[in-house]
Amino acid sequence: MNRKKIIYDDIVPPKGYWHGRLKRGDGLRLVTAKATGVAASFWNATDTSERFNPGDTIKVQWTSDMTVGRALLSDMGRVMMSITHDDFGRADCLTGMSLPGPADGPDWQSGRAHFLRAALKNGLSKRDIGPSISFFAPVIVDEAGQIGWVPQSDGGQFTVDLRAEMDMIVILSNASHPLSPDQEPAQLQVTQFHAPKPATDDLTRTGTPEARRAFENTDALFGDRKRFS
């Protein structure tokens, strides 16, 4: 990536967490060498009562398969993030973040604990923490409706790029996914950057009629009331 486009660059250690604020149009790149899952959630920085909603994200786009061209929606029917690059190809909106267990050792760090700590640092509380999405999580749903984990080889680095569609608070947890058989995640590289502006035929904005309406709702917050549908 061109260094001039980078706003902020950080390394999150295994079992660590990250939180930050993005402006509309910023990009967020996540890079890891292991598929153990990275839990994420988002809040409208101007009105934190608006937050990421995995259920509506799935329902509006008729799929739980979140990868390039998918939009991540809030509970107000607006788009918070677009997935613009994903060479891993799977993200999980169904299982949620990891929780502490009775047999966990003293060095265990759960996603729930990470989210609680980061929430307090951003003026939020535990009542603001809802369901999350996990990137780099090879979760599938079979024909019987059972949720399962598909083991992946550690084939080098995996990258996901996100584009912020509103001003947001972001929390990430680099604790392993609840279904991951590997409970030792790799370090996570987090890069905030100036993302290219979406083209008129941007895949996320034009993928479905429902997504187009969600973008209309989002753009109206910023004075752009152009209709796509």
C-alpha atoms as a PDB file:
ATOM      1  CA  MET A   1       0.000   0.000   0.000  1.00  0.00           C
ATOM      2  CA  ASN A   2       1.150   3.547  -0.777  1.00  0.00           C
ATOM      3  CA  ARG A   3       2.468   4.955   2.518  1.00  0.00           C
ATOM      4  CA  LYS A   4       0.903   8.339   1.717  1.00  0.00           C
ATOM      5  CA  LYS A   5      -2.552   6.749   1.997  1.00  0.00           C
ATOM      6  CA  ILE A   6      -1.955   5.319   5.462  1.00  0.00           C
ATOM      7  CA  ILE A   7      -3.564   7.151   8.370  1.00  0.00           C
ATOM      8  CA  TYR A   8      -2.631   4.723  11.122  1.00  0.00           C
ATOM      9  CA  ASP A   9      -0.832   1.403  11.316  1.00  0.00           C
ATOM     10  CA  ASP A  10      -0.821  -0.946  14.295  1.00  0.00           C
ATOM     11  CA  ILE A  11      -0.077  -4.518  15.369  1.00  0.00           C
ATOM     12  CA  VAL A  12      -2.526  -6.309  17.674  1.00  0.00           C
ATOM     13  CA  PRO A  13      -0.862  -9.179  19.540  1.00  0.00           C
ATOM     14  CA  PRO A  14      -2.444 -12.626  19.827  1.00  0.00           C
ATOM     15  CA  LYS A  15      -5.300 -12.469  22.378  1.00  0.00           C
ATOM     16  CA  GLY A  16      -5.230  -8.673  22.194  1.00  0.00           C
ATOM     17  CA  TYR A  17      -7.784  -6.108  21.025  1.00  0.00           C
ATOM     18  CA  TRP A  18      -8.001  -2.842  19.082  1.00  0.00           C
ATOM     19  CA  HIS A  19     -10.417   0.073  18.978  1.00  0.00           C
ATOM     20  CA  GLY A  20     -10.491   3.218  16.888  1.00  0.00           C
ATOM     21  CA  ARG A  21     -12.576   5.774  15.049  1.00  0.00           C
ATOM     22  CA  LEU A  22     -13.059   5.937  11.299  1.00  0.00           C
ATOM     23  CA  LYS A  23     -14.347   8.756   9.142  1.00  0.00           C
ATOM     24  CA  ARG A  24     -16.709   8.126   6.252  1.00  0.00           C
ATOM     25  CA  GLY A  25     -14.539   7.058   3.325  1.00  0.00           C
ATOM     26  CA  ASP A  26     -11.702   5.644   5.441  1.00  0.00           C
ATOM     27  CA  GLY A  27     -10.485   2.134   4.750  1.00  0.00           C
ATOM     28  CA  LEU A  28      -9.581  -0.480   7.347  1.00  0.00           C
ATOM     29  CA  ARG A  29      -7.247  -3.330   6.383  1.00  0.00           C
ATOM     30  CA  LEU A  30      -6.955  -6.465   8.536  1.00  0.00           C
ATOM     31  CA  VAL A  31      -4.094  -8.899   7.911  1.00  0.00           C
ATOM     32  CA  THR A  32      -3.395 -12.160   9.728  1.00  0.00           C
ATOM     33  CA  ALA A  33      -1.550 -15.407   9.053  1.00  0.00           C
ATOM     34  CA  LYS A  34      -4.023 -17.732  10.801  1.00  0.00           C
ATOM     35  CA  ALA A  35      -7.733 -18.443  10.351  1.00  0.00           C
ATOM     36  CA  THR A  36      -8.830 -18.341  13.980  1.00  0.00           C
ATOM     37  CA  GLY A  37     -11.299 -15.480  13.623  1.00  0.00           C
ATOM     38  CA  VAL A  38     -11.225 -11.753  14.427  1.00  0.00           C
ATOM     39  CA  ALA A  39     -14.438 -10.464  16.031  1.00  0.00           C
ATOM     40  CA  ALA A  40     -15.563  -6.966  15.043  1.00  0.00           C
ATOM     41  CA  SER A  41     -18.419  -4.591  15.689  1.00  0.00           C
ATOM     42  CA  PHE A  42     -19.276  -1.014  14.779  1.00  0.00           C
ATOM     43  CA  TRP A  43     -21.166   1.984  16.205  1.00  0.00           C
ATOM     44  CA  ASN A  44     -22.263   5.267  14.657  1.00  0.00           C
ATOM     45  CA  ALA A  45     -19.771   7.717  16.184  1.00  0.00           C
ATOM     46  CA  THR A  46     -22.364  10.516  16.167  1.00  0.00           C
ATOM     47  CA  ASP A  47     -25.189   8.460  17.708  1.00  0.00           C
ATOM     48  CA  THR A  48     -23.891   5.318  19.403  1.00  0.00           C
ATOM     49  CA  SER A  49     -27.419   3.949  19.863  1.00  0.00           C
ATOM     50  CA  GLU A  50     -27.036   2.911  16.207  1.00  0.00           C
ATOM     51  CA  ARG A  51     -24.893  -0.210  15.980  1.00  0.00           C
ATOM     52  CA  PHE A  52     -24.010  -3.108  13.724  1.00  0.00           C
ATOM     53  CA  ASN A  53     -26.824  -5.639  13.247  1.00  0.00           C
ATOM     54  CA  PRO A  54     -25.761  -9.059  11.858  1.00  0.00           C
ATOM     55  CA  GLY A  55     -29.373 -10.236  11.573  1.00  0.00           C
ATOM     56  CA  ASP A  56     -30.401  -7.387   9.265  1.00  0.00           C
ATOM     57  CA  THR A  57     -27.099  -7.703   7.379  1.00  0.00           C
ATOM     58  CA  ILE A  58     -27.986 -11.314   6.522  1.00  0.00           C
ATOM     59  CA  LYS A  59     -31.688 -10.700   5.897  1.00  0.00           C
ATOM     60  CA  VAL A  60     -31.282  -7.719   3.584  1.00  0.00           C
ATOM     61  CA  GLN A  61     -28.740  -9.502   1.368  1.00  0.00           C
ATOM     62  CA  TRP A  62     -30.340 -12.956   1.476  1.00  0.00           C
ATOM     63  CA  THR A  63     -27.114 -14.641   2.589  1.00  0.00           C
ATOM     64  CA  SER A  64     -24.903 -15.289   5.600  1.00  0.00           C
ATOM     65  CA  ASP A  65     -21.864 -15.485   3.286  1.00  0.00           C
ATOM     66  CA  MET A  66     -20.127 -12.170   3.977  1.00  0.00           C
ATOM     67  CA  THR A  67     -17.302 -11.439   1.559  1.00  0.00           C
ATOM     68  CA  VAL A  68     -16.435  -8.958  -1.237  1.00  0.00           C
ATOM     69  CA  GLY A  69     -19.436  -6.920  -2.360  1.00  0.00           C
ATOM     70  CA  ARG A  70     -21.397  -7.320   0.872  1.00  0.00           C
ATOM     71  CA  ALA A  71     -22.533  -4.461   3.085  1.00  0.00           C
ATOM     72  CA  LEU A  72     -22.562  -4.534   6.895  1.00  0.00           C
ATOM     73  CA  LEU A  73     -25.765  -2.880   8.119  1.00  0.00           C
ATOM     74  CA  SER A  74     -26.841  -1.126  11.291  1.00  0.00           C
ATOM     75  CA  ASP A  75     -30.050  -1.617  13.233  1.00  0.00           C
ATOM     76  CA  MET A  76     -31.332   1.551  11.534  1.00  0.00           C
ATOM     77  CA  GLY A  77     -31.170   0.063   8.043  1.00  0.00           C
ATOM     78  CA  ARG A  78     -28.047   1.965   7.049  1.00  0.00           C
ATOM     79  CA  VAL A  79     -24.729   0.697   5.695  1.00  0.00           C
ATOM     80  CA  MET A  80     -21.829   0.973   8.123  1.00  0.00           C
ATOM     81  CA  MET A  81     -19.098  -0.887   6.219  1.00  0.00           C
ATOM     82  CA  SER A  82     -18.513  -2.305   2.754  1.00  0.00           C
ATOM     83  CA  ILE A  83     -16.241  -5.305   2.215  1.00  0.00           C
ATOM     84  CA  THR A  84     -14.042  -4.230  -0.706  1.00  0.00           C
ATOM     85  CA  HIS A  85     -11.366  -6.952  -0.623  1.00  0.00           C
ATOM     86  CA  ASP A  86     -11.315 -10.405   0.943  1.00  0.00           C
ATOM     87  CA  ASP A  87      -8.806 -13.038  -0.113  1.00  0.00           C
ATOM     88  CA  PHE A  88      -9.929 -15.358   2.685  1.00  0.00           C
ATOM     89  CA  GLY A  89     -13.540 -15.483   1.503  1.00  0.00           C
ATOM     90  CA  ARG A  90     -15.475 -16.240   4.695  1.00  0.00           C
ATOM     91  CA  ALA A  91     -16.806 -14.245   7.637  1.00  0.00           C
ATOM     92  CA  ASP A  92     -19.234 -15.328  10.343  1.00  0.00           C
ATOM     93  CA  CYS A  93     -22.308 -13.307  11.361  1.00  0.00           C
ATOM     94  CA  LEU A  94     -23.987 -16.173  13.255  1.00  0.00           C
ATOM     95  CA  THR A  95     -21.875 -17.468  16.121  1.00  0.00           C
ATOM     96  CA  GLY A  96     -20.762 -14.341  17.951  1.00  0.00           C
ATOM     97  CA  MET A  97     -17.608 -13.628  19.940  1.00  0.00           C
ATOM     98  CA  SER A  98     -15.877 -15.954  22.380  1.00  0.00           C
ATOM     99  CA  LEU A  99     -16.929 -15.980  26.040  1.00  0.00           C
ATOM    100  CA  PRO A 100     -14.913 -16.832  29.174  1.00  0.00           C
ATOM    101  CA  GLY A 101     -15.282 -20.433  30.320  1.00  0.00           C
ATOM    102  CA  PRO A 102     -14.899 -22.053  33.743  1.00  0.00           C
ATOM    103  CA  ALA A 103     -11.788 -24.004  32.735  1.00  0.00           C
ATOM    104  CA  ASP A 104      -9.953 -21.157  31.026  1.00  0.00           C
ATOM    105  CA  GLY A 105      -6.427 -20.476  32.249  1.00  0.00           C
ATOM    106  CA  PRO A 106      -5.140 -17.186  33.653  1.00  0.00           C
ATOM    107  CA  ASP A 107      -3.841 -16.029  30.259  1.00  0.00           C
ATOM    108  CA  TRP A 108      -7.173 -16.549  28.491  1.00  0.00           C
ATOM    109  CA  GLN A 109      -8.634 -13.469  26.821  1.00  0.00           C
ATOM    110  CA  SER A 110     -12.189 -13.739  25.513  1.00  0.00           C
ATOM    111  CA  GLY A 111     -13.767 -11.565  22.860  1.00  0.00           C
ATOM    112  CA  ARG A 112     -16.444 -10.534  25.349  1.00  0.00           C
ATOM    113  CA  ALA A 113     -13.816  -9.253  27.799  1.00  0.00           C
ATOM    114  CA  HIS A 114     -12.079  -7.343  24.999  1.00  0.00           C
ATOM    115  CA  PHE A 115     -15.301  -5.695  23.884  1.00  0.00           C
ATOM    116  CA  LEU A 116     -16.169  -4.647  27.441  1.00  0.00           C
ATOM    117  CA  ARG A 117     -12.774  -3.005  27.947  1.00  0.00           C
ATOM    118  CA  ALA A 118     -12.810  -1.230  24.591  1.00  0.00           C
ATOM    119  CA  ALA A 119     -16.423  -0.125  25.061  1.00  0.00           C
ATOM    120  CA  LEU A 120     -15.580   1.662  28.323  1.00  0.00           C
ATOM    121  CA  LYS A 121     -12.735   3.492  26.580  1.00  0.00           C
ATOM    122  CA  ASN A 122     -15.206   4.852  24.010  1.00  0.00           C
ATOM    123  CA  GLY A 123     -17.982   6.005  26.334  1.00  0.00           C
ATOM    124  CA  LEU A 124     -19.978   2.810  25.827  1.00  0.00           C
ATOM    125  CA  SER A 125     -21.083   0.165  28.322  1.00  0.00           C
ATOM    126  CA  LYS A 126     -21.943  -3.535  28.320  1.00  0.00           C
ATOM    127  CA  ARG A 127     -25.504  -2.711  27.262  1.00  0.00           C
ATOM    128  CA  ASP A 128     -24.065  -1.349  23.991  1.00  0.00           C
ATOM    129  CA  ILE A 129     -22.391  -4.661  23.092  1.00  0.00           C
ATOM    130  CA  GLY A 130     -24.473  -6.803  20.795  1.00  0.00           C
ATOM    131  CA  PRO A 131     -23.805  -9.524  18.209  1.00  0.00           C
ATOM    132  CA  SER A 132     -20.635  -9.231  16.149  1.00  0.00           C
ATOM    133  CA  ILE A 133     -19.092 -10.406  12.901  1.00  0.00           C
ATOM    134  CA  SER A 134     -15.922 -12.521  12.811  1.00  0.00           C
ATOM    135  CA  PHE A 135     -13.547 -12.152   9.872  1.00  0.00           C
ATOM    136  CA  PHE A 136     -11.180 -14.990   8.903  1.00  0.00           C
ATOM    137  CA  ALA A 137     -13.719 -17.446  10.332  1.00  0.00           C
ATOM    138  CA  PRO A 138     -14.479 -20.426   8.028  1.00  0.00           C
ATOM    139  CA  VAL A 139     -17.958 -21.098   9.414  1.00  0.00           C
ATOM    140  CA  ILE A 140     -20.551 -22.872   7.279  1.00  0.00           C
ATOM    141  CA  VAL A 141     -24.204 -23.800   7.685  1.00  0.00           C
ATOM    142  CA  ASP A 142     -25.128 -27.218   6.307  1.00  0.00           C
ATOM    143  CA  GLU A 143     -28.445 -28.312   4.777  1.00  0.00           C
ATOM    144  CA  ALA A 144     -29.724 -29.326   8.215  1.00  0.00           C
ATOM    145  CA  GLY A 145     -29.043 -25.848   9.576  1.00  0.00           C
ATOM    146  CA  GLN A 146     -26.061 -26.943  11.681  1.00  0.00           C
ATOM    147  CA  ILE A 147     -23.211 -24.470  12.107  1.00  0.00           C
ATOM    148  CA  GLY A 148     -19.711 -25.905  11.643  1.00  0.00           C
ATOM    149  CA  TRP A 149     -16.066 -24.933  11.250  1.00  0.00           C
ATOM    150  CA  VAL A 150     -14.061 -25.858   8.147  1.00  0.00           C
ATOM    151  CA  PRO A 151     -10.352 -26.260   8.999  1.00  0.00           C
ATOM    152  CA  GLN A 152      -8.054 -24.102   6.885  1.00  0.00           C
ATOM    153  CA  SER A 153      -4.366 -24.364   6.099  1.00  0.00           C
ATOM    154  CA  ASP A 154      -2.202 -21.449   7.178  1.00  0.00           C
ATOM    155  CA  GLY A 155      -1.373 -20.498   3.599  1.00  0.00           C
ATOM    156  CA  GLY A 156       0.437 -17.248   4.212  1.00  0.00           C
ATOM    157  CA  GLN A 157      -1.245 -13.959   5.038  1.00  0.00           C
ATOM    158  CA  PHE A 158      -4.975 -13.334   4.672  1.00  0.00           C
ATOM    159  CA  THR A 159      -6.314  -9.819   4.039  1.00  0.00           C
ATOM    160  CA  VAL A 160      -9.704  -8.134   4.398  1.00  0.00           C
ATOM    161  CA  ASP A 161     -10.333  -4.501   3.382  1.00  0.00           C
ATOM    162  CA  LEU A 162     -13.349  -2.565   4.668  1.00  0.00           C
ATOM    163  CA  ARG A 163     -14.632   0.871   3.646  1.00  0.00           C
ATOM    164  CA  ALA A 164     -16.414   3.044   6.218  1.00  0.00           C
ATOM    165  CA  GLU A 165     -19.731   4.380   4.953  1.00  0.00           C
ATOM    166  CA  MET A 166     -20.310   6.593   8.015  1.00  0.00           C
ATOM    167  CA  ASP A 167     -18.261   7.978  10.906  1.00  0.00           C
ATOM    168  CA  MET A 168     -17.780   5.040  13.241  1.00  0.00           C
ATOM    169  CA  ILE A 169     -16.336   3.538  16.384  1.00  0.00           C
ATOM    170  CA  VAL A 170     -14.739   0.153  15.656  1.00  0.00           C
ATOM    171  CA  ILE A 171     -13.785  -2.593  18.124  1.00  0.00           C
ATOM    172  CA  LEU A 172     -11.760  -5.675  17.147  1.00  0.00           C
ATOM    173  CA  SER A 173     -10.905  -8.729  19.239  1.00  0.00           C
ATOM    174  CA  ASN A 174      -7.998 -10.957  18.263  1.00  0.00           C
ATOM    175  CA  ALA A 175      -9.181 -13.797  20.519  1.00  0.00           C
ATOM    176  CA  SER A 176      -9.991 -17.085  18.838  1.00  0.00           C
ATOM    177  CA  HIS A 177     -13.476 -17.759  17.487  1.00  0.00           C
ATOM    178  CA  PRO A 178     -15.674 -19.980  19.724  1.00  0.00           C
ATOM    179  CA  LEU A 179     -15.626 -22.784  17.136  1.00  0.00           C
ATOM    180  CA  SER A 180     -11.946 -22.561  16.223  1.00  0.00           C
ATOM    181  CA  PRO A 181     -10.013 -25.729  17.122  1.00  0.00           C
ATOM    182  CA  ASP A 182      -6.882 -23.557  17.308  1.00  0.00           C
ATOM    183  CA  GLN A 183      -7.016 -21.281  20.349  1.00  0.00           C
ATOM    184  CA  GLU A 184      -3.683 -19.558  19.610  1.00  0.00           C
ATOM    185  CA  PRO A 185      -4.288 -16.710  17.131  1.00  0.00           C
ATOM    186  CA  ALA A 186      -1.545 -14.976  15.187  1.00  0.00           C
ATOM    187  CA  GLN A 187      -0.818 -11.276  15.476  1.00  0.00           C
ATOM    188  CA  LEU A 188      -3.202  -8.994  13.605  1.00  0.00           C
ATOM    189  CA  GLN A 189      -2.067  -6.056  11.492  1.00  0.00           C
ATOM    190  CA  VAL A 190      -4.561  -3.181  11.433  1.00  0.00           C
ATOM    191  CA  THR A 191      -4.156  -0.338   8.933  1.00  0.00           C
ATOM    192  CA  GLN A 192      -6.450   2.659   8.619  1.00  0.00           C
ATOM    193  CA  PHE A 193      -6.076   4.357   5.238  1.00  0.00           C
ATOM    194  CA  HIS A 194      -7.645   6.729   2.716  1.00  0.00           C
ATOM    195  CA  ALA A 195      -9.783   4.399   0.582  1.00  0.00           C
ATOM    196  CA  PRO A 196     -10.630   5.114  -3.069  1.00  0.00           C
ATOM    197  CA  LYS A 197     -14.067   6.612  -3.595  1.00  0.00           C
ATOM    198  CA  PRO A 198     -16.665   4.096  -4.769  1.00  0.00           C
ATOM    199  CA  ALA A 199     -17.375   4.049  -8.493  1.00  0.00           C
ATOM    200  CA  THR A 200     -20.902   4.418  -9.843  1.00  0.00           C
ATOM    201  CA  ASP A 201     -20.989   0.661 -10.485  1.00  0.00           C
ATOM    202  CA  ASP A 202     -19.527  -0.215  -7.076  1.00  0.00           C
ATOM    203  CA  LEU A 203     -20.429  -3.863  -6.392  1.00  0.00           C
ATOM    204  CA  THR A 204     -21.612  -3.312  -2.818  1.00  0.00           C
ATOM    205  CA  ARG A 205     -23.803  -0.346  -3.737  1.00  0.00           C
ATOM    206  CA  THR A 206     -25.428  -2.021  -6.728  1.00  0.00           C
ATOM    207  CA  GLY A 207     -25.511  -5.687  -5.692  1.00  0.00           C
ATOM    208  CA  THR A 208     -29.144  -5.916  -4.563  1.00  0.00           C
ATOM    209  CA  PRO A 209     -32.185  -3.589  -4.447  1.00  0.00           C
ATOM    210  CA  GLU A 210     -32.167  -3.919  -0.639  1.00  0.00           C
ATOM    211  CA  ALA A 211     -28.516  -2.867  -0.418  1.00  0.00           C
ATOM    212  CA  ARG A 212     -29.184   0.110  -2.692  1.00  0.00           C
ATOM    213  CA  ARG A 213     -31.947   1.306  -0.378  1.00  0.00           C
ATOM    214  CA  ALA A 214     -29.672   0.893   2.639  1.00  0.00           C
ATOM    215  CA  PHE A 215     -27.079   3.094   0.934  1.00  0.00           C
ATOM    216  CA  GLU A 216     -29.766   5.673   0.187  1.00  0.00           C
ATOM    217  CA  ASN A 217     -30.550   5.773   3.907  1.00  0.00           C
ATOM    218  CA  THR A 218     -26.865   6.176   4.740  1.00  0.00           C
ATOM    219  CA  ASP A 219     -26.108   8.842   2.150  1.00  0.00           C
ATOM    220  CA  ALA A 220     -29.040  10.928   3.387  1.00  0.00           C
ATOM    221  CA  LEU A 221     -27.146  11.424   6.669  1.00  0.00           C
ATOM    222  CA  PHE A 222     -24.476  13.255   4.686  1.00  0.00           C
ATOM    223  CA  GLY A 223     -26.753  15.376   2.520  1.00  0.00           C
ATOM    224  CA  ASP A 224     -26.642  13.096  -0.533  1.00  0.00           C
ATOM    225  CA  ARG A 225     -30.208  12.083  -1.355  1.00  0.00           C
ATOM    226  CA  LYS A 226     -29.550  10.621  -4.801  1.00  0.00           C
ATOM    227  CA  ARG A 227     -31.683   7.517  -5.263  1.00  0.00           C
ATOM    228  CA  PHE A 228     -30.254   4.247  -6.592  1.00  0.00           C
ATOM    229  CA  SER A 229     -33.573   2.412  -6.777  1.00  0.00           C
END
